Structures are given as structure tokens and as C-alpha cells.
């Protein structure tokens, strides 16, 4: 997983560029980071005056809530196939991916297992 560089390193790179008049790429070589990282740190510092970290990642809200959640819970009382649920949602003009429907089913504790005996 990606991890942000420390604030100490950012401050040293910004200090070399701003206080010492070094280029961003020169400071990057000096501190052993990529030139693009140094440039990405210097540009916002010149615009805002802050070298604070930008947000990494975020939260994507769930699409299958409210009325859709109720419809899906009613629909899954009988047998269901996730890909068929995706197709039915598309008919209802809801654009979702297979993974979103799987996550919904997993979060709600829904499952439908075929029986192992062909006679059943």
C-alpha cells in the first residue's frame, strides 16, 4: 500500500528549494526522492504557502441504499444470481457493477447456495 513521505522530509525538500534557491529536481536528487514528487510539493507551497499533506484515498458512498436496498432485499428472498441482479438493476436504470452488488449481498448477509444433489 502506498504511504506518504514524512512531513520532515517534505519540509527539508521545500527548505532546499525555497531557502537555498535549489531547483526541485536538484533537491529531489539530494534527498533521494523522485523529481515529480518534489515538483508536486513545491507547486502548492508556492500557491498556498503550505506544505501540508494532501488526502490519500477516500470514502465512496454506497449506491444501493434507500428504495434500492428495499427492492433488493425483497428480490433476494427467493433464489438470485448476482449477475442477473446487475442486469435487473440496469433495467431499472441503475448503473452498478457486479462488485457493488456482491458487496451489498455480503454486507446484508445474503447468500443463495445451490444444492449439491442433482435430484433436489
Protein backbone atom coordinates (compact mmCIF):
# COMPACT_ATOMS: atom_id res chain seq x y z
CA UNK A 1 0.00 0.00 0.00
CA UNK A 2 1.21 3.50 -0.75
CA UNK A 3 2.42 5.53 2.18
CA UNK A 4 3.05 9.27 2.24
CA UNK A 5 6.51 10.67 2.81
CA UNK A 6 7.07 12.21 6.24
CA UNK A 7 6.42 15.90 6.86
CA UNK A 8 10.05 16.25 7.95
CA UNK A 9 11.30 15.17 4.52
CA UNK A 10 8.81 17.47 2.79
CA UNK A 11 9.96 20.41 4.89
CA UNK A 12 13.62 19.68 4.12
CA UNK A 13 12.91 19.49 0.37
CA UNK A 14 10.85 22.70 0.47
CA UNK A 15 13.57 24.40 2.53
CA UNK A 16 16.22 23.44 -0.01
CA UNK A 17 14.11 24.76 -2.88
CA UNK A 18 12.82 27.95 -1.28
CA UNK A 19 15.55 28.95 1.18
CA UNK A 20 18.62 27.73 -0.69
CA UNK A 21 17.29 28.51 -4.18
CA UNK A 22 17.81 24.95 -5.39
CA UNK A 23 15.71 23.52 -8.23
CA UNK A 24 13.03 21.00 -7.33
CA UNK A 25 14.80 18.27 -9.30
CA UNK A 26 18.13 19.12 -7.66
CA UNK A 27 16.52 18.85 -4.23
CA UNK A 28 14.96 15.55 -5.25
CA UNK A 29 18.35 14.13 -6.17
CA UNK A 30 19.83 15.43 -2.94
CA UNK A 31 17.16 13.81 -0.76
CA UNK A 32 16.69 10.63 -2.83
CA UNK A 33 13.11 11.12 -3.98
CA UNK A 34 11.62 11.39 -7.44
CA UNK A 35 11.68 14.70 -9.25
CA UNK A 36 7.94 14.62 -9.82
CA UNK A 37 7.32 14.32 -6.07
CA UNK A 38 9.44 17.37 -5.34
CA UNK A 39 7.69 19.36 -8.07
CA UNK A 40 4.28 18.31 -6.73
CA UNK A 41 5.28 19.52 -3.26
CA UNK A 42 6.77 22.83 -4.37
CA UNK A 43 3.92 23.93 -6.65
CA UNK A 44 1.16 24.02 -3.99
CA UNK A 45 3.57 25.52 -1.48
CA UNK A 46 4.20 28.43 -3.83
CA UNK A 47 0.46 28.86 -4.41
CA UNK A 48 -0.86 28.45 -0.86
CA UNK A 49 2.20 28.76 1.35
CA UNK A 50 1.52 25.40 2.97
CA UNK A 51 3.35 22.12 2.53
CA UNK A 52 0.61 20.07 4.20
CA UNK A 53 -0.16 16.57 3.06
CA UNK A 54 -2.96 16.05 0.57
CA UNK A 55 -5.65 13.49 1.31
CA UNK A 56 -4.86 9.94 0.22
CA UNK A 57 -7.80 7.74 -0.66
CA UNK A 58 -11.32 8.45 0.41
CA UNK A 59 -14.76 7.04 1.02
CA UNK A 60 -17.06 6.16 -1.83
CA UNK A 61 -20.69 6.17 -0.67
CA UNK A 62 -22.81 3.11 -1.36
CA UNK A 63 -25.24 3.35 -4.26
CA UNK A 64 -27.59 0.60 -3.18
CA UNK A 65 -29.43 2.34 -0.35
CA UNK A 66 -32.94 3.58 0.31
CA UNK A 67 -35.55 2.30 -2.13
CA UNK A 68 -32.99 0.20 -3.99
CA UNK A 69 -31.98 -1.54 -0.79
CA UNK A 70 -35.61 -2.39 -0.06
CA UNK A 71 -36.17 -3.64 -3.60
CA UNK A 72 -33.01 -5.76 -3.48
CA UNK A 73 -33.92 -7.28 -0.13
CA UNK A 74 -37.39 -8.21 -1.45
CA UNK A 75 -35.87 -9.54 -4.68
CA UNK A 76 -33.33 -11.72 -2.86
CA UNK A 77 -35.92 -13.54 -0.73
CA UNK A 78 -36.05 -16.14 -3.50
CA UNK A 79 -33.12 -17.52 -5.43
CA UNK A 80 -30.87 -14.97 -7.10
CA UNK A 81 -27.74 -14.68 -9.19
CA UNK A 82 -25.60 -11.60 -8.74
CA UNK A 83 -25.11 -11.03 -12.47
CA UNK A 84 -28.86 -11.28 -13.01
CA UNK A 85 -29.37 -8.68 -10.25
CA UNK A 86 -26.95 -6.38 -12.07
CA UNK A 87 -28.99 -6.81 -15.26
CA UNK A 88 -32.28 -6.17 -13.42
CA UNK A 89 -30.84 -3.02 -11.86
CA UNK A 90 -29.73 -1.87 -15.32
CA UNK A 91 -33.34 -2.32 -16.49
CA UNK A 92 -34.33 -0.01 -13.63
CA UNK A 93 -31.72 2.48 -14.97
CA UNK A 94 -29.32 1.96 -12.09
CA UNK A 95 -25.75 1.65 -13.28
CA UNK A 96 -23.90 -0.68 -10.91
CA UNK A 97 -21.04 -3.11 -11.19
CA UNK A 98 -21.02 -6.77 -10.21
CA UNK A 99 -18.68 -5.98 -7.32
CA UNK A 100 -21.07 -3.39 -5.88
CA UNK A 101 -23.90 -5.92 -5.86
CA UNK A 102 -21.60 -8.53 -4.33
CA UNK A 103 -20.56 -6.10 -1.57
CA UNK A 104 -24.23 -5.31 -0.89
CA UNK A 105 -25.11 -9.00 -0.63
CA UNK A 106 -22.10 -9.67 1.59
CA UNK A 107 -22.88 -6.71 3.88
CA UNK A 108 -26.52 -7.82 4.22
CA UNK A 109 -25.53 -11.45 4.86
CA UNK A 110 -27.37 -12.67 1.76
CA UNK A 111 -26.40 -15.90 0.04
CA UNK A 112 -28.00 -18.48 -2.14
CA UNK A 113 -26.25 -21.80 -2.50
CA UNK A 114 -27.25 -24.41 -5.00
CA UNK A 115 -27.87 -27.82 -3.52
CA UNK A 116 -25.20 -30.43 -4.13
CA UNK A 117 -27.63 -33.16 -5.02
CA UNK A 118 -28.96 -33.02 -8.60
CA UNK A 119 -32.20 -34.77 -7.54
CA UNK A 120 -33.23 -31.87 -5.32
